[in-house]
Amino acid sequence: MSAYLLDKGAAVMCSHGGSATPTSTSSRVKANGQFIVTQTSTYTISGCPYTTAAGVPMPCVTAQWTSAAVRVRAGGEPVLLKDSQATTTPNGVSLTVASAQMRVKGT
């Protein structure tokens, strides 16, 4: 199944509502005017409100993508799609893509 490629401007958040942004992007490939993101890019999470049952803050800090496009690559790396999966550290929850560019699809 095909899905839209993630670019630097995609709205991505952790399951708790923290905002996730890529630490790096492709330096050559753009979709809808924004550089796209590949699977090797780590995401930094800010504003995660998660606290433990004891009331101790334990926000999501980073996330790494565990799945990406099978057939589309940029710079030799698989590109991220709107339906790609990621896991956060230290909480192990997923990232959610709230919005992405809607011009370029990949599989």
N, C-alpha and C. Protein backbone atom coordinates (compact mmCIF):
# COMPACT_ATOMS: atom_id res chain seq x y z
N MET A 1 0.84 -1.17 0.00
CA MET A 1 0.00 0.00 0.00
C MET A 1 0.89 1.24 0.00
N SER A 2 0.49 2.26 -0.70
CA SER A 2 1.29 3.48 -0.74
C SER A 2 0.81 4.48 0.32
N ALA A 3 1.72 5.36 0.70
CA ALA A 3 1.41 6.41 1.68
C ALA A 3 2.25 7.63 1.34
N TYR A 4 1.86 8.78 1.85
CA TYR A 4 2.59 10.01 1.60
C TYR A 4 3.92 10.02 2.32
N LEU A 5 4.94 10.62 1.68
CA LEU A 5 6.26 10.74 2.28
C LEU A 5 6.24 11.79 3.38
N LEU A 6 7.06 11.57 4.42
CA LEU A 6 7.19 12.56 5.48
C LEU A 6 8.26 13.57 5.09
N ASP A 7 7.97 14.83 5.29
CA ASP A 7 8.96 15.87 5.08
C ASP A 7 9.23 16.58 6.41
N LYS A 8 10.14 17.52 6.37
CA LYS A 8 10.52 18.23 7.60
C LYS A 8 9.34 18.93 8.25
N GLY A 9 8.35 19.35 7.48
CA GLY A 9 7.21 20.08 8.01
C GLY A 9 6.07 19.22 8.51
N ALA A 10 6.20 17.90 8.45
CA ALA A 10 5.13 17.01 8.92
C ALA A 10 4.90 17.20 10.42
N ALA A 11 3.64 17.17 10.82
CA ALA A 11 3.29 17.28 12.24
C ALA A 11 3.32 15.88 12.85
N VAL A 12 4.30 15.64 13.72
CA VAL A 12 4.50 14.33 14.34
C VAL A 12 4.52 14.54 15.85
N MET A 13 3.87 13.62 16.59
CA MET A 13 3.86 13.73 18.05
C MET A 13 3.93 12.36 18.71
N CYS A 14 4.38 12.36 19.95
CA CYS A 14 4.38 11.12 20.72
C CYS A 14 2.94 10.83 21.17
N SER A 15 2.70 9.65 21.68
CA SER A 15 1.35 9.26 22.11
C SER A 15 0.81 10.12 23.25
N HIS A 16 1.71 10.84 23.94
CA HIS A 16 1.29 11.69 25.04
C HIS A 16 1.03 13.13 24.59
N GLY A 17 1.34 13.45 23.35
CA GLY A 17 1.09 14.79 22.82
C GLY A 17 2.30 15.67 22.67
N GLY A 18 3.50 15.15 22.93
CA GLY A 18 4.73 15.93 22.74
C GLY A 18 5.03 16.08 21.27
N SER A 19 5.64 17.18 20.90
CA SER A 19 5.97 17.48 19.50
C SER A 19 7.30 16.84 19.12
N ALA A 20 7.31 16.13 17.98
CA ALA A 20 8.52 15.43 17.51
C ALA A 20 9.04 16.07 16.23
N THR A 21 10.34 16.35 16.20
CA THR A 21 10.97 16.93 15.01
C THR A 21 12.21 16.13 14.63
N PRO A 22 12.48 16.02 13.32
CA PRO A 22 13.65 15.25 12.87
C PRO A 22 14.95 15.96 13.18
N THR A 23 15.98 15.19 13.51
CA THR A 23 17.30 15.77 13.75
C THR A 23 18.04 16.00 12.44
N SER A 24 17.64 15.29 11.38
CA SER A 24 18.26 15.48 10.07
C SER A 24 17.26 15.16 8.97
N THR A 25 17.53 15.67 7.79
CA THR A 25 16.68 15.43 6.62
C THR A 25 17.58 15.09 5.44
N SER A 26 16.96 14.66 4.36
CA SER A 26 17.70 14.46 3.13
C SER A 26 18.19 15.82 2.66
N SER A 27 19.41 15.90 2.20
CA SER A 27 19.93 17.19 1.74
C SER A 27 19.69 17.41 0.25
N ARG A 28 19.07 16.45 -0.41
CA ARG A 28 18.88 16.55 -1.84
C ARG A 28 17.45 16.40 -2.32
N VAL A 29 16.62 15.67 -1.58
CA VAL A 29 15.28 15.34 -2.07
C VAL A 29 14.22 16.13 -1.32
N LYS A 30 13.35 16.78 -2.10
CA LYS A 30 12.25 17.55 -1.51
C LYS A 30 10.92 17.02 -2.00
N ALA A 31 9.90 17.21 -1.18
CA ALA A 31 8.52 16.92 -1.56
C ALA A 31 7.71 18.14 -1.15
N ASN A 32 7.02 18.73 -2.09
CA ASN A 32 6.21 19.91 -1.83
C ASN A 32 7.04 21.05 -1.22
N GLY A 33 8.31 21.18 -1.64
CA GLY A 33 9.16 22.27 -1.20
C GLY A 33 9.91 22.06 0.10
N GLN A 34 9.70 20.93 0.77
CA GLN A 34 10.39 20.63 2.05
C GLN A 34 11.27 19.39 1.87
N PHE A 35 12.42 19.38 2.52
CA PHE A 35 13.27 18.20 2.47
C PHE A 35 12.57 17.02 3.15
N ILE A 36 12.71 15.84 2.56
CA ILE A 36 12.08 14.65 3.14
C ILE A 36 12.97 14.06 4.23
N VAL A 37 12.41 13.11 4.99
CA VAL A 37 13.12 12.49 6.10
C VAL A 37 13.31 11.01 5.81
N THR A 38 14.49 10.48 6.14
CA THR A 38 14.77 9.07 5.95
C THR A 38 14.73 8.32 7.28
N GLN A 39 14.72 7.01 7.20
CA GLN A 39 14.58 6.17 8.40
C GLN A 39 15.72 6.35 9.39
N THR A 40 16.90 6.73 8.95
CA THR A 40 18.03 6.86 9.87
C THR A 40 17.95 8.10 10.76
N SER A 41 17.06 9.02 10.45
CA SER A 41 16.94 10.24 11.26
C SER A 41 16.23 9.94 12.58
N THR A 42 16.85 10.36 13.66
CA THR A 42 16.23 10.29 14.98
C THR A 42 15.32 11.50 15.12
N TYR A 43 14.24 11.36 15.86
CA TYR A 43 13.35 12.48 16.15
C TYR A 43 13.55 12.91 17.59
N THR A 44 13.60 14.21 17.83
CA THR A 44 13.69 14.78 19.17
C THR A 44 12.28 15.19 19.59
N ILE A 45 11.92 14.86 20.83
CA ILE A 45 10.57 15.14 21.32
C ILE A 45 10.63 16.22 22.40
N SER A 46 9.76 17.21 22.26
CA SER A 46 9.69 18.27 23.26
C SER A 46 8.25 18.44 23.71
N GLY A 47 8.09 18.82 24.94
CA GLY A 47 6.75 19.10 25.47
C GLY A 47 5.94 17.87 25.83
N CYS A 48 6.57 16.73 26.02
CA CYS A 48 5.83 15.53 26.42
C CYS A 48 5.44 15.66 27.90
N PRO A 49 4.15 15.57 28.21
CA PRO A 49 3.70 15.79 29.58
C PRO A 49 3.66 14.53 30.45
N TYR A 50 4.13 13.40 29.97
CA TYR A 50 3.96 12.14 30.70
C TYR A 50 4.62 12.17 32.08
N THR A 51 3.89 11.67 33.07
CA THR A 51 4.42 11.46 34.41
C THR A 51 4.04 10.06 34.86
N THR A 52 4.86 9.47 35.72
CA THR A 52 4.58 8.13 36.23
C THR A 52 3.42 8.18 37.22
N ALA A 53 2.96 7.02 37.64
CA ALA A 53 1.86 6.94 38.61
C ALA A 53 2.24 7.61 39.93
N ALA A 54 3.54 7.67 40.22
CA ALA A 54 4.01 8.31 41.45
C ALA A 54 4.16 9.82 41.28
N GLY A 55 3.81 10.34 40.11
CA GLY A 55 3.90 11.78 39.87
C GLY A 55 5.26 12.26 39.42
N VAL A 56 6.14 11.34 39.07
CA VAL A 56 7.49 11.71 38.62
C VAL A 56 7.47 11.96 37.11
N PRO A 57 7.92 13.14 36.66
CA PRO A 57 7.96 13.40 35.22
C PRO A 57 8.91 12.42 34.51
N MET A 58 8.44 11.84 33.43
CA MET A 58 9.26 10.93 32.63
C MET A 58 8.88 11.12 31.16
N PRO A 59 9.22 12.28 30.59
CA PRO A 59 8.79 12.59 29.23
C PRO A 59 9.51 11.76 28.18
N CYS A 60 8.86 11.59 27.04
CA CYS A 60 9.52 11.00 25.88
C CYS A 60 10.59 12.00 25.43
N VAL A 61 11.77 11.50 25.05
CA VAL A 61 12.88 12.37 24.70
C VAL A 61 13.26 12.24 23.22
N THR A 62 13.38 11.01 22.75
CA THR A 62 13.74 10.76 21.35
C THR A 62 12.89 9.63 20.81
N ALA A 63 12.94 9.46 19.50
CA ALA A 63 12.24 8.34 18.86
C ALA A 63 13.06 7.86 17.67
N GLN A 64 13.00 6.56 17.43
CA GLN A 64 13.67 5.96 16.28
C GLN A 64 12.64 5.21 15.46
N TRP A 65 12.68 5.35 14.15
CA TRP A 65 11.73 4.71 13.25
C TRP A 65 12.10 3.25 13.05
N THR A 66 11.11 2.39 13.14
CA THR A 66 11.34 0.95 12.99
C THR A 66 10.86 0.42 11.65
N SER A 67 10.07 1.21 10.92
CA SER A 67 9.65 0.80 9.57
C SER A 67 9.66 2.02 8.67
N ALA A 68 9.83 1.77 7.38
CA ALA A 68 9.87 2.85 6.38
C ALA A 68 9.50 2.27 5.03
N ALA A 69 9.65 3.07 3.99
CA ALA A 69 9.33 2.61 2.63
C ALA A 69 10.21 1.42 2.25
N VAL A 70 9.63 0.52 1.51
CA VAL A 70 10.37 -0.66 1.04
C VAL A 70 11.00 -0.39 -0.32
N ARG A 71 10.31 0.39 -1.15
CA ARG A 71 10.75 0.58 -2.52
C ARG A 71 11.31 1.96 -2.84
N VAL A 72 11.20 2.91 -1.94
CA VAL A 72 11.66 4.27 -2.22
C VAL A 72 12.80 4.63 -1.27
N ARG A 73 13.89 5.14 -1.84
CA ARG A 73 15.05 5.54 -1.05
C ARG A 73 15.52 6.92 -1.47
N ALA A 74 16.19 7.58 -0.55
CA ALA A 74 16.84 8.87 -0.83
C ALA A 74 18.24 8.79 -0.24
N GLY A 75 19.25 9.00 -1.06
CA GLY A 75 20.63 8.87 -0.57
C GLY A 75 20.93 7.47 -0.09
N GLY A 76 20.26 6.47 -0.63
CA GLY A 76 20.48 5.09 -0.24
C GLY A 76 19.72 4.64 0.99
N GLU A 77 18.98 5.54 1.62
CA GLU A 77 18.24 5.22 2.85
C GLU A 77 16.74 5.18 2.57
N PRO A 78 16.00 4.26 3.21
CA PRO A 78 14.54 4.22 3.03
C PRO A 78 13.90 5.52 3.54
N VAL A 79 12.94 6.04 2.80
CA VAL A 79 12.26 7.26 3.21
C VAL A 79 11.12 6.93 4.17
N LEU A 80 10.76 7.90 5.01
CA LEU A 80 9.65 7.70 5.94
C LEU A 80 8.33 8.00 5.25
N LEU A 81 7.33 7.21 5.59
CA LEU A 81 5.98 7.38 5.06
C LEU A 81 5.04 7.74 6.20
N LYS A 82 3.87 8.25 5.84
CA LYS A 82 2.89 8.63 6.86
C LYS A 82 2.50 7.45 7.76
N ASP A 83 2.58 6.22 7.23
CA ASP A 83 2.23 5.05 8.04
C ASP A 83 3.44 4.32 8.62
N SER A 84 4.63 4.93 8.57
CA SER A 84 5.82 4.33 9.18
C SER A 84 5.64 4.27 10.70
N GLN A 85 6.34 3.33 11.32
CA GLN A 85 6.23 3.12 12.77
C GLN A 85 7.51 3.55 13.47
N ALA A 86 7.36 4.10 14.68
CA ALA A 86 8.50 4.53 15.49
C ALA A 86 8.24 4.22 16.96
N THR A 87 9.32 4.14 17.72
CA THR A 87 9.24 3.89 19.16
C THR A 87 10.03 4.96 19.89
N THR A 88 9.45 5.49 20.97
CA THR A 88 10.11 6.54 21.75
C THR A 88 10.97 5.96 22.85
N THR A 89 11.91 6.79 23.30
CA THR A 89 12.76 6.47 24.44
C THR A 89 12.52 7.58 25.46
N PRO A 90 12.33 7.30 26.71
CA PRO A 90 12.44 6.03 27.40
C PRO A 90 11.13 5.26 27.55
N ASN A 91 10.01 5.79 27.06
CA ASN A 91 8.70 5.19 27.37
C ASN A 91 8.24 4.08 26.43
N GLY A 92 8.82 3.97 25.26
CA GLY A 92 8.46 2.90 24.34
C GLY A 92 7.09 3.01 23.70
N VAL A 93 6.56 4.23 23.61
CA VAL A 93 5.27 4.42 22.94
C VAL A 93 5.52 4.80 21.48
N SER A 94 4.46 4.85 20.70
CA SER A 94 4.62 5.13 19.27
C SER A 94 4.52 6.63 18.98
N LEU A 95 4.96 6.98 17.78
CA LEU A 95 4.76 8.33 17.27
C LEU A 95 3.53 8.32 16.39
N THR A 96 2.83 9.44 16.32
CA THR A 96 1.66 9.60 15.47
C THR A 96 1.93 10.72 14.49
N VAL A 97 1.66 10.46 13.21
CA VAL A 97 1.79 11.51 12.19
C VAL A 97 0.43 12.16 12.04
N ALA A 98 0.31 13.40 12.50
CA ALA A 98 -0.96 14.11 12.44
C ALA A 98 -1.22 14.68 11.05
N SER A 99 -0.18 15.17 10.40
CA SER A 99 -0.33 15.68 9.04
C SER A 99 1.00 15.56 8.30
N ALA A 100 0.90 15.39 7.00
CA ALA A 100 2.08 15.28 6.14
C ALA A 100 1.75 15.93 4.80
N GLN A 101 2.78 16.18 3.99
CA GLN A 101 2.54 16.73 2.66
C GLN A 101 1.68 15.75 1.88
N MET A 102 0.91 16.24 0.93
CA MET A 102 -0.03 15.37 0.23
C MET A 102 0.15 15.42 -1.29
N ARG A 103 1.41 15.40 -1.72
CA ARG A 103 1.70 15.40 -3.15
C ARG A 103 2.44 14.15 -3.60
N VAL A 104 3.38 13.66 -2.79
CA VAL A 104 4.25 12.56 -3.21
C VAL A 104 3.99 11.34 -2.35
N LYS A 105 3.74 10.20 -3.01
CA LYS A 105 3.52 8.94 -2.31
C LYS A 105 4.66 7.96 -2.61
N GLY A 106 4.82 7.01 -1.71
CA GLY A 106 5.80 5.95 -1.90
C GLY A 106 5.29 4.68 -1.29
N THR A 107 6.00 3.58 -1.59
CA THR A 107 5.64 2.28 -1.01
C THR A 107 6.83 1.64 -0.36
